[in-house]
Every structure is written in structure tokens, then in C-alpha cells.
PDB file of N, CA and C in Angstrom:
ATOM      1  N   VAL A   1      -2.384  -0.833  21.851  1.00  0.00           N
ATOM      2  CA  VAL A   1      -1.371  -1.652  21.213  1.00  0.00           C
ATOM      3  C   VAL A   1      -0.087  -1.620  22.038  1.00  0.00           C
ATOM      4  N   LYS A   2       0.268  -0.436  22.537  1.00  0.00           N
ATOM      5  CA  LYS A   2       1.492  -0.350  23.331  1.00  0.00           C
ATOM      6  C   LYS A   2       1.412  -1.194  24.593  1.00  0.00           C
ATOM      7  N   THR A   3       0.205  -1.314  25.175  1.00  0.00           N
ATOM      8  CA  THR A   3       0.070  -2.140  26.379  1.00  0.00           C
ATOM      9  C   THR A   3       0.321  -3.614  26.078  1.00  0.00           C
ATOM     10  N   LEU A   4       0.203  -3.986  24.828  1.00  0.00           N
ATOM     11  CA  LEU A   4       0.493  -5.358  24.414  1.00  0.00           C
ATOM     12  C   LEU A   4       1.968  -5.548  24.080  1.00  0.00           C
ATOM     13  N   GLY A   5       2.738  -4.450  24.161  1.00  0.00           N
ATOM     14  CA  GLY A   5       4.158  -4.533  23.870  1.00  0.00           C
ATOM     15  C   GLY A   5       4.492  -4.409  22.402  1.00  0.00           C
ATOM     16  N   SER A   6       3.618  -3.799  21.637  1.00  0.00           N
ATOM     17  CA  SER A   6       3.843  -3.647  20.200  1.00  0.00           C
ATOM     18  C   SER A   6       3.944  -2.180  19.823  1.00  0.00           C
ATOM     19  N   ASP A   7       4.625  -1.913  18.721  1.00  0.00           N
ATOM     20  CA  ASP A   7       4.727  -0.563  18.174  1.00  0.00           C
ATOM     21  C   ASP A   7       3.876  -0.466  16.918  1.00  0.00           C
ATOM     22  N   VAL A   8       3.326   0.724  16.703  1.00  0.00           N
ATOM     23  CA  VAL A   8       2.532   0.985  15.511  1.00  0.00           C
ATOM     24  C   VAL A   8       3.053   2.254  14.869  1.00  0.00           C
ATOM     25  N   LEU A   9       3.089   2.272  13.569  1.00  0.00           N
ATOM     26  CA  LEU A   9       3.490   3.451  12.816  1.00  0.00           C
ATOM     27  C   LEU A   9       2.436   3.680  11.744  1.00  0.00           C
ATOM     28  N   ALA A  10       1.754   4.807  11.795  1.00  0.00           N
ATOM     29  CA  ALA A  10       0.729   5.138  10.800  1.00  0.00           C
ATOM     30  C   ALA A  10       1.302   6.147   9.816  1.00  0.00           C
ATOM     31  N   ILE A  11       1.165   5.852   8.533  1.00  0.00           N
ATOM     32  CA  ILE A  11       1.677   6.728   7.480  1.00  0.00           C
ATOM     33  C   ILE A  11       0.601   6.861   6.415  1.00  0.00           C
ATOM     34  N   GLN A  12       0.263   8.086   6.073  1.00  0.00           N
ATOM     35  CA  GLN A  12      -0.703   8.321   4.998  1.00  0.00           C
ATOM     36  C   GLN A  12       0.055   8.487   3.689  1.00  0.00           C
ATOM     37  N   SER A  13      -0.400   7.792   2.652  1.00  0.00           N
ATOM     38  CA  SER A  13       0.240   7.923   1.342  1.00  0.00           C
ATOM     39  C   SER A  13      -0.755   7.564   0.246  1.00  0.00           C
ATOM     40  N   ASP A  14      -0.357   7.841  -0.980  1.00  0.00           N
ATOM     41  CA  ASP A  14      -1.161   7.537  -2.163  1.00  0.00           C
ATOM     42  C   ASP A  14      -0.494   6.381  -2.895  1.00  0.00           C
ATOM     43  N   VAL A  15      -1.066   5.183  -2.825  1.00  0.00           N
ATOM     44  CA  VAL A  15      -0.441   4.012  -3.433  1.00  0.00           C
ATOM     45  C   VAL A  15      -0.467   4.046  -4.959  1.00  0.00           C
ATOM     46  N   ALA A  16      -1.182   4.988  -5.532  1.00  0.00           N
ATOM     47  CA  ALA A  16      -1.167   5.138  -6.987  1.00  0.00           C
ATOM     48  C   ALA A  16       0.131   5.797  -7.451  1.00  0.00           C
ATOM     49  N   LYS A  17       0.900   6.334  -6.507  1.00  0.00           N
ATOM     50  CA  LYS A  17       2.177   6.994  -6.817  1.00  0.00           C
ATOM     51  C   LYS A  17       3.305   6.153  -6.238  1.00  0.00           C
ATOM     52  N   THR A  18       4.092   5.533  -7.109  1.00  0.00           N
ATOM     53  CA  THR A  18       5.137   4.623  -6.638  1.00  0.00           C
ATOM     54  C   THR A  18       6.178   5.336  -5.787  1.00  0.00           C
ATOM     55  N   SER A  19       6.410   6.615  -6.030  1.00  0.00           N
ATOM     56  CA  SER A  19       7.378   7.349  -5.204  1.00  0.00           C
ATOM     57  C   SER A  19       6.912   7.425  -3.753  1.00  0.00           C
ATOM     58  N   GLU A  20       5.614   7.494  -3.535  1.00  0.00           N
ATOM     59  CA  GLU A  20       5.090   7.522  -2.169  1.00  0.00           C
ATOM     60  C   GLU A  20       5.203   6.153  -1.507  1.00  0.00           C
ATOM     61  N   ILE A  21       5.069   5.097  -2.286  1.00  0.00           N
ATOM     62  CA  ILE A  21       5.245   3.750  -1.739  1.00  0.00           C
ATOM     63  C   ILE A  21       6.680   3.591  -1.249  1.00  0.00           C
ATOM     64  N   ASP A  22       7.639   4.068  -2.031  1.00  0.00           N
ATOM     65  CA  ASP A  22       9.047   4.015  -1.619  1.00  0.00           C
ATOM     66  C   ASP A  22       9.251   4.725  -0.286  1.00  0.00           C
ATOM     67  N   LYS A  23       8.655   5.900  -0.137  1.00  0.00           N
ATOM     68  CA  LYS A  23       8.806   6.672   1.097  1.00  0.00           C
ATOM     69  C   LYS A  23       8.215   5.938   2.297  1.00  0.00           C
ATOM     70  N   VAL A  24       7.118   5.236   2.089  1.00  0.00           N
ATOM     71  CA  VAL A  24       6.503   4.471   3.176  1.00  0.00           C
ATOM     72  C   VAL A  24       7.469   3.399   3.674  1.00  0.00           C
ATOM     73  N   PHE A  25       8.043   2.625   2.764  1.00  0.00           N
ATOM     74  CA  PHE A  25       8.940   1.556   3.186  1.00  0.00           C
ATOM     75  C   PHE A  25      10.215   2.098   3.812  1.00  0.00           C
ATOM     76  N   GLN A  26      10.694   3.229   3.341  1.00  0.00           N
ATOM     77  CA  GLN A  26      11.866   3.840   3.974  1.00  0.00           C
ATOM     78  C   GLN A  26      11.553   4.244   5.408  1.00  0.00           C
ATOM     79  N   ALA A  27      10.401   4.854   5.627  1.00  0.00           N
ATOM     80  CA  ALA A  27      10.010   5.286   6.976  1.00  0.00           C
ATOM     81  C   ALA A  27       9.768   4.092   7.893  1.00  0.00           C
ATOM     82  N   VAL A  28       9.088   3.086   7.388  1.00  0.00           N
ATOM     83  CA  VAL A  28       8.774   1.906   8.206  1.00  0.00           C
ATOM     84  C   VAL A  28      10.048   1.183   8.628  1.00  0.00           C
ATOM     85  N   THR A  29      10.919   0.933   7.675  1.00  0.00           N
ATOM     86  CA  THR A  29      12.122   0.170   8.007  1.00  0.00           C
ATOM     87  C   THR A  29      13.095   0.983   8.853  1.00  0.00           C
ATOM     88  N   LYS A  30      13.070   2.296   8.716  1.00  0.00           N
ATOM     89  CA  LYS A  30      13.920   3.135   9.568  1.00  0.00           C
ATOM     90  C   LYS A  30      13.473   3.023  11.026  1.00  0.00           C
ATOM     91  N   LYS A  31      12.168   3.002  11.262  1.00  0.00           N
ATOM     92  CA  LYS A  31      11.642   2.949  12.629  1.00  0.00           C
ATOM     93  C   LYS A  31      11.548   1.527  13.179  1.00  0.00           C
ATOM     94  N   LEU A  32      11.132   0.572  12.341  1.00  0.00           N
ATOM     95  CA  LEU A  32      10.809  -0.764  12.845  1.00  0.00           C
ATOM     96  C   LEU A  32      11.722  -1.881  12.345  1.00  0.00           C
ATOM     97  N   GLY A  33      12.563  -1.610  11.367  1.00  0.00           N
ATOM     98  CA  GLY A  33      13.412  -2.663  10.818  1.00  0.00           C
ATOM     99  C   GLY A  33      12.693  -3.451   9.744  1.00  0.00           C
ATOM    100  N   LYS A  34      13.014  -4.726   9.646  1.00  0.00           N
ATOM    101  CA  LYS A  34      12.408  -5.580   8.621  1.00  0.00           C
ATOM    102  C   LYS A  34      10.903  -5.733   8.838  1.00  0.00           C
ATOM    103  N   ILE A  35      10.218  -6.156   7.789  1.00  0.00           N
ATOM    104  CA  ILE A  35       8.762  -6.310   7.815  1.00  0.00           C
ATOM    105  C   ILE A  35       8.417  -7.795   7.911  1.00  0.00           C
ATOM    106  N   ASP A  36       7.495  -8.120   8.815  1.00  0.00           N
ATOM    107  CA  ASP A  36       7.046  -9.503   8.975  1.00  0.00           C
ATOM    108  C   ASP A  36       5.787  -9.798   8.164  1.00  0.00           C
ATOM    109  N   VAL A  37       4.874  -8.832   8.101  1.00  0.00           N
ATOM    110  CA  VAL A  37       3.589  -9.027   7.423  1.00  0.00           C
ATOM    111  C   VAL A  37       3.263  -7.780   6.617  1.00  0.00           C
ATOM    112  N   LEU A  38       2.781  -7.971   5.407  1.00  0.00           N
ATOM    113  CA  LEU A  38       2.370  -6.856   4.555  1.00  0.00           C
ATOM    114  C   LEU A  38       0.895  -7.019   4.205  1.00  0.00           C
ATOM    115  N   PHE A  39       0.118  -5.980   4.446  1.00  0.00           N
ATOM    116  CA  PHE A  39      -1.283  -5.938   4.018  1.00  0.00           C
ATOM    117  C   PHE A  39      -1.387  -4.915   2.895  1.00  0.00           C
ATOM    118  N   ALA A  40      -1.604  -5.371   1.680  1.00  0.00           N
ATOM    119  CA  ALA A  40      -1.779  -4.474   0.533  1.00  0.00           C
ATOM    120  C   ALA A  40      -3.279  -4.366   0.285  1.00  0.00           C
ATOM    121  N   ASN A  41      -3.948  -3.544   1.079  1.00  0.00           N
ATOM    122  CA  ASN A  41      -5.408  -3.535   1.040  1.00  0.00           C
ATOM    123  C   ASN A  41      -6.026  -2.183   0.710  1.00  0.00           C
ATOM    124  N   ALA A  42      -5.269  -1.286   0.118  1.00  0.00           N
ATOM    125  CA  ALA A  42      -5.852  -0.009  -0.298  1.00  0.00           C
ATOM    126  C   ALA A  42      -6.787  -0.252  -1.475  1.00  0.00           C
ATOM    127  N   GLY A  43      -7.876   0.457  -1.511  1.00  0.00           N
ATOM    128  CA  GLY A  43      -8.792   0.295  -2.631  1.00  0.00           C
ATOM    129  C   GLY A  43      -9.941   1.279  -2.576  1.00  0.00           C
ATOM    130  N   ILE A  44     -10.470   1.564  -3.745  1.00  0.00           N
ATOM    131  CA  ILE A  44     -11.645   2.428  -3.859  1.00  0.00           C
ATOM    132  C   ILE A  44     -12.642   1.755  -4.796  1.00  0.00           C
ATOM    133  N   ALA A  45     -13.859   2.230  -4.779  1.00  0.00           N
ATOM    134  CA  ALA A  45     -14.879   1.710  -5.690  1.00  0.00           C
ATOM    135  C   ALA A  45     -15.707   2.867  -6.225  1.00  0.00           C
ATOM    136  N   LYS A  46     -15.911   2.857  -7.500  1.00  0.00           N
ATOM    137  CA  LYS A  46     -16.797   3.815  -8.162  1.00  0.00           C
ATOM    138  C   LYS A  46     -18.074   3.056  -8.508  1.00  0.00           C
ATOM    139  N   PHE A  47     -19.127   3.341  -7.793  1.00  0.00           N
ATOM    140  CA  PHE A  47     -20.390   2.631  -8.013  1.00  0.00           C
ATOM    141  C   PHE A  47     -21.206   3.363  -9.077  1.00  0.00           C
ATOM    142  N   LEU A  48     -20.810   3.116 -10.318  1.00  0.00           N
ATOM    143  CA  LEU A  48     -21.465   3.732 -11.470  1.00  0.00           C
ATOM    144  C   LEU A  48     -21.773   2.662 -12.506  1.00  0.00           C
ATOM    145  N   PRO A  49     -22.803   2.863 -13.275  1.00  0.00           N
ATOM    146  CA  PRO A  49     -23.000   1.973 -14.423  1.00  0.00           C
ATOM    147  C   PRO A  49     -21.816   2.124 -15.384  1.00  0.00           C
ATOM    148  N   VAL A  50     -21.432   1.049 -16.011  1.00  0.00           N
ATOM    149  CA  VAL A  50     -20.313   1.075 -16.950  1.00  0.00           C
ATOM    150  C   VAL A  50     -20.494   2.179 -17.982  1.00  0.00           C
ATOM    151  N   SER A  51     -21.707   2.397 -18.409  1.00  0.00           N
ATOM    152  CA  SER A  51     -21.976   3.400 -19.443  1.00  0.00           C
ATOM    153  C   SER A  51     -21.700   4.824 -18.971  1.00  0.00           C
ATOM    154  N   GLN A  52     -21.611   5.039 -17.663  1.00  0.00           N
ATOM    155  CA  GLN A  52     -21.406   6.388 -17.135  1.00  0.00           C
ATOM    156  C   GLN A  52     -19.990   6.642 -16.627  1.00  0.00           C
ATOM    157  N   MET A  53     -19.170   5.609 -16.510  1.00  0.00           N
ATOM    158  CA  MET A  53     -17.828   5.789 -15.970  1.00  0.00           C
ATOM    159  C   MET A  53     -16.919   6.432 -17.006  1.00  0.00           C
ATOM    160  N   THR A  54     -16.211   7.470 -16.587  1.00  0.00           N
ATOM    161  CA  THR A  54     -15.272   8.147 -17.479  1.00  0.00           C
ATOM    162  C   THR A  54     -13.923   7.430 -17.444  1.00  0.00           C
ATOM    163  N   GLU A  55     -13.112   7.723 -18.425  1.00  0.00           N
ATOM    164  CA  GLU A  55     -11.772   7.142 -18.460  1.00  0.00           C
ATOM    165  C   GLU A  55     -10.967   7.589 -17.239  1.00  0.00           C
ATOM    166  N   GLU A  56     -11.125   8.832 -16.832  1.00  0.00           N
ATOM    167  CA  GLU A  56     -10.420   9.348 -15.656  1.00  0.00           C
ATOM    168  C   GLU A  56     -10.825   8.584 -14.390  1.00  0.00           C
ATOM    169  N   GLN A  57     -12.106   8.313 -14.228  1.00  0.00           N
ATOM    170  CA  GLN A  57     -12.586   7.559 -13.064  1.00  0.00           C
ATOM    171  C   GLN A  57     -12.060   6.124 -13.091  1.00  0.00           C
ATOM    172  N   TYR A  58     -12.065   5.523 -14.264  1.00  0.00           N
ATOM    173  CA  TYR A  58     -11.541   4.166 -14.398  1.00  0.00           C
ATOM    174  C   TYR A  58     -10.056   4.134 -14.055  1.00  0.00           C
ATOM    175  N   ASP A  59      -9.293   5.076 -14.614  1.00  0.00           N
ATOM    176  CA  ASP A  59      -7.853   5.119 -14.364  1.00  0.00           C
ATOM    177  C   ASP A  59      -7.544   5.291 -12.881  1.00  0.00           C
ATOM    178  N   GLU A  60      -8.288   6.158 -12.199  1.00  0.00           N
ATOM    179  CA  GLU A  60      -8.068   6.364 -10.768  1.00  0.00           C
ATOM    180  C   GLU A  60      -8.301   5.062 -10.000  1.00  0.00           C
ATOM    181  N   GLN A  61      -9.379   4.391 -10.305  1.00  0.00           N
ATOM    182  CA  GLN A  61      -9.711   3.145  -9.616  1.00  0.00           C
ATOM    183  C   GLN A  61      -8.671   2.065  -9.911  1.00  0.00           C
ATOM    184  N   PHE A  62      -8.273   1.927 -11.159  1.00  0.00           N
ATOM    185  CA  PHE A  62      -7.287   0.915 -11.533  1.00  0.00           C
ATOM    186  C   PHE A  62      -5.929   1.220 -10.910  1.00  0.00           C
ATOM    187  N   ASP A  63      -5.530   2.497 -10.933  1.00  0.00           N
ATOM    188  CA  ASP A  63      -4.231   2.875 -10.371  1.00  0.00           C
ATOM    189  C   ASP A  63      -4.137   2.543  -8.888  1.00  0.00           C
ATOM    190  N   ILE A  64      -5.204   2.737  -8.161  1.00  0.00           N
ATOM    191  CA  ILE A  64      -5.190   2.439  -6.725  1.00  0.00           C
ATOM    192  C   ILE A  64      -5.359   0.940  -6.480  1.00  0.00           C
ATOM    193  N   ASN A  65      -6.359   0.333  -7.082  1.00  0.00           N
ATOM    194  CA  ASN A  65      -6.709  -1.052  -6.763  1.00  0.00           C
ATOM    195  C   ASN A  65      -5.741  -2.076  -7.339  1.00  0.00           C
ATOM    196  N   ALA A  66      -5.289  -1.903  -8.546  1.00  0.00           N
ATOM    197  CA  ALA A  66      -4.412  -2.896  -9.183  1.00  0.00           C
ATOM    198  C   ALA A  66      -2.950  -2.472  -9.130  1.00  0.00           C
ATOM    199  N   LYS A  67      -2.651  -1.320  -9.708  1.00  0.00           N
ATOM    200  CA  LYS A  67      -1.272  -0.841  -9.739  1.00  0.00           C
ATOM    201  C   LYS A  67      -0.730  -0.630  -8.328  1.00  0.00           C
ATOM    202  N   GLY A  68      -1.542  -0.042  -7.464  1.00  0.00           N
ATOM    203  CA  GLY A  68      -1.105   0.208  -6.092  1.00  0.00           C
ATOM    204  C   GLY A  68      -0.776  -1.069  -5.348  1.00  0.00           C
ATOM    205  N   ALA A  69      -1.631  -2.067  -5.460  1.00  0.00           N
ATOM    206  CA  ALA A  69      -1.379  -3.347  -4.783  1.00  0.00           C
ATOM    207  C   ALA A  69      -0.138  -4.030  -5.350  1.00  0.00           C
ATOM    208  N   PHE A  70      -0.009  -4.053  -6.667  1.00  0.00           N
ATOM    209  CA  PHE A  70       1.134  -4.705  -7.307  1.00  0.00           C
ATOM    210  C   PHE A  70       2.448  -4.080  -6.856  1.00  0.00           C
ATOM    211  N   PHE A  71       2.546  -2.745  -6.959  1.00  0.00           N
ATOM    212  CA  PHE A  71       3.810  -2.096  -6.629  1.00  0.00           C
ATOM    213  C   PHE A  71       4.080  -2.041  -5.130  1.00  0.00           C
ATOM    214  N   THR A  72       3.035  -2.088  -4.311  1.00  0.00           N
ATOM    215  CA  THR A  72       3.252  -2.188  -2.869  1.00  0.00           C
ATOM    216  C   THR A  72       3.940  -3.512  -2.547  1.00  0.00           C
ATOM    217  N   VAL A  73       3.449  -4.590  -3.126  1.00  0.00           N
ATOM    218  CA  VAL A  73       4.075  -5.895  -2.901  1.00  0.00           C
ATOM    219  C   VAL A  73       5.481  -5.908  -3.483  1.00  0.00           C
ATOM    220  N   GLN A  74       5.641  -5.445  -4.710  1.00  0.00           N
ATOM    221  CA  GLN A  74       6.952  -5.460  -5.358  1.00  0.00           C
ATOM    222  C   GLN A  74       7.986  -4.685  -4.546  1.00  0.00           C
ATOM    223  N   LYS A  75       7.618  -3.491  -4.108  1.00  0.00           N
ATOM    224  CA  LYS A  75       8.568  -2.639  -3.402  1.00  0.00           C
ATOM    225  C   LYS A  75       8.819  -3.090  -1.966  1.00  0.00           C
ATOM    226  N   SER A  76       7.974  -3.972  -1.445  1.00  0.00           N
ATOM    227  CA  SER A  76       8.184  -4.500  -0.093  1.00  0.00           C
ATOM    228  C   SER A  76       9.206  -5.629  -0.068  1.00  0.00           C
ATOM    229  N   LEU A  77       9.433  -6.283  -1.184  1.00  0.00           N
ATOM    230  CA  LEU A  77      10.251  -7.496  -1.211  1.00  0.00           C
ATOM    231  C   LEU A  77      11.628  -7.336  -0.565  1.00  0.00           C
ATOM    232  N   PRO A  78      12.368  -6.256  -0.822  1.00  0.00           N
ATOM    233  CA  PRO A  78      13.685  -6.139  -0.180  1.00  0.00           C
ATOM    234  C   PRO A  78      13.620  -5.988   1.340  1.00  0.00           C
ATOM    235  N   TYR A  79      12.465  -5.623   1.869  1.00  0.00           N
ATOM    236  CA  TYR A  79      12.336  -5.333   3.295  1.00  0.00           C
ATOM    237  C   TYR A  79      11.686  -6.458   4.091  1.00  0.00           C
ATOM    238  N   LEU A  80      11.221  -7.494   3.431  1.00  0.00           N
ATOM    239  CA  LEU A  80      10.530  -8.582   4.120  1.00  0.00           C
ATOM    240  C   LEU A  80      11.533  -9.549   4.751  1.00  0.00           C
ATOM    241  N   ASN A  81      11.247  -9.966   5.980  1.00  0.00           N
ATOM    242  CA  ASN A  81      12.034 -11.008   6.632  1.00  0.00           C
ATOM    243  C   ASN A  81      11.848 -12.322   5.901  1.00  0.00           C
ATOM    244  N   ASP A  82      12.811 -13.222   6.028  1.00  0.00           N
ATOM    245  CA  ASP A  82      12.627 -14.572   5.497  1.00  0.00           C
ATOM    246  C   ASP A  82      11.407 -15.184   6.168  1.00  0.00           C
ATOM    247  N   GLY A  83      10.527 -15.757   5.393  1.00  0.00           N
ATOM    248  CA  GLY A  83       9.316 -16.360   5.928  1.00  0.00           C
ATOM    249  C   GLY A  83       8.184 -15.378   6.145  1.00  0.00           C
ATOM    250  N   ALA A  84       8.381 -14.119   5.766  1.00  0.00           N
ATOM    251  CA  ALA A  84       7.322 -13.111   5.928  1.00  0.00           C
ATOM    252  C   ALA A  84       6.186 -13.406   4.964  1.00  0.00           C
ATOM    253  N   SER A  85       5.031 -12.803   5.247  1.00  0.00           N
ATOM    254  CA  SER A  85       3.883 -13.013   4.367  1.00  0.00           C
ATOM    255  C   SER A  85       3.237 -11.695   4.017  1.00  0.00           C
TER     256      SER A  85
END
């Protein structure tokens, strides 16, 4: 990537925790400035029959797949450039 003249910043976080999402955007914007493109693609899958899934397993999946994506987009809004996607 560097040979193409681009910078990359890798950050591990748990998108089910909104406080960690905040930390990601603080780190990204501190190093790279405004954001041009956001990929909200974190997700997990529990391959179980509905009859066997526990409430805890459902909550974990929903928190990452739905809540995580929603709040990642929401918390990115102040950092997106005009015309960003």
C-alpha cells in the first residue's frame, strides 16, 4: 500500500461497545484527518437452529451486526468529508 502512496492504519476494536468506536475515530482522525470512505462491515454469524440459540448468543450477534453497524455510521458523521461515502 505504501508503494502506491497511501497510508493504512489498522485498529482492533469491539464494535458492540460504543466507547471503542469513539476511540477508533479519534485515532483515525488524529493520524489521517477527515474520512473519505467508511466500511461498516463487522459481523458474526451463529449457525444454529433457532430452537437452540440462547438469548446471550442472539444478543452478541445483534450487538455486533446491527448495533455495531448503526453506531459506527452514526459516530463517523462528524469526521466524514463533504461528499464522503
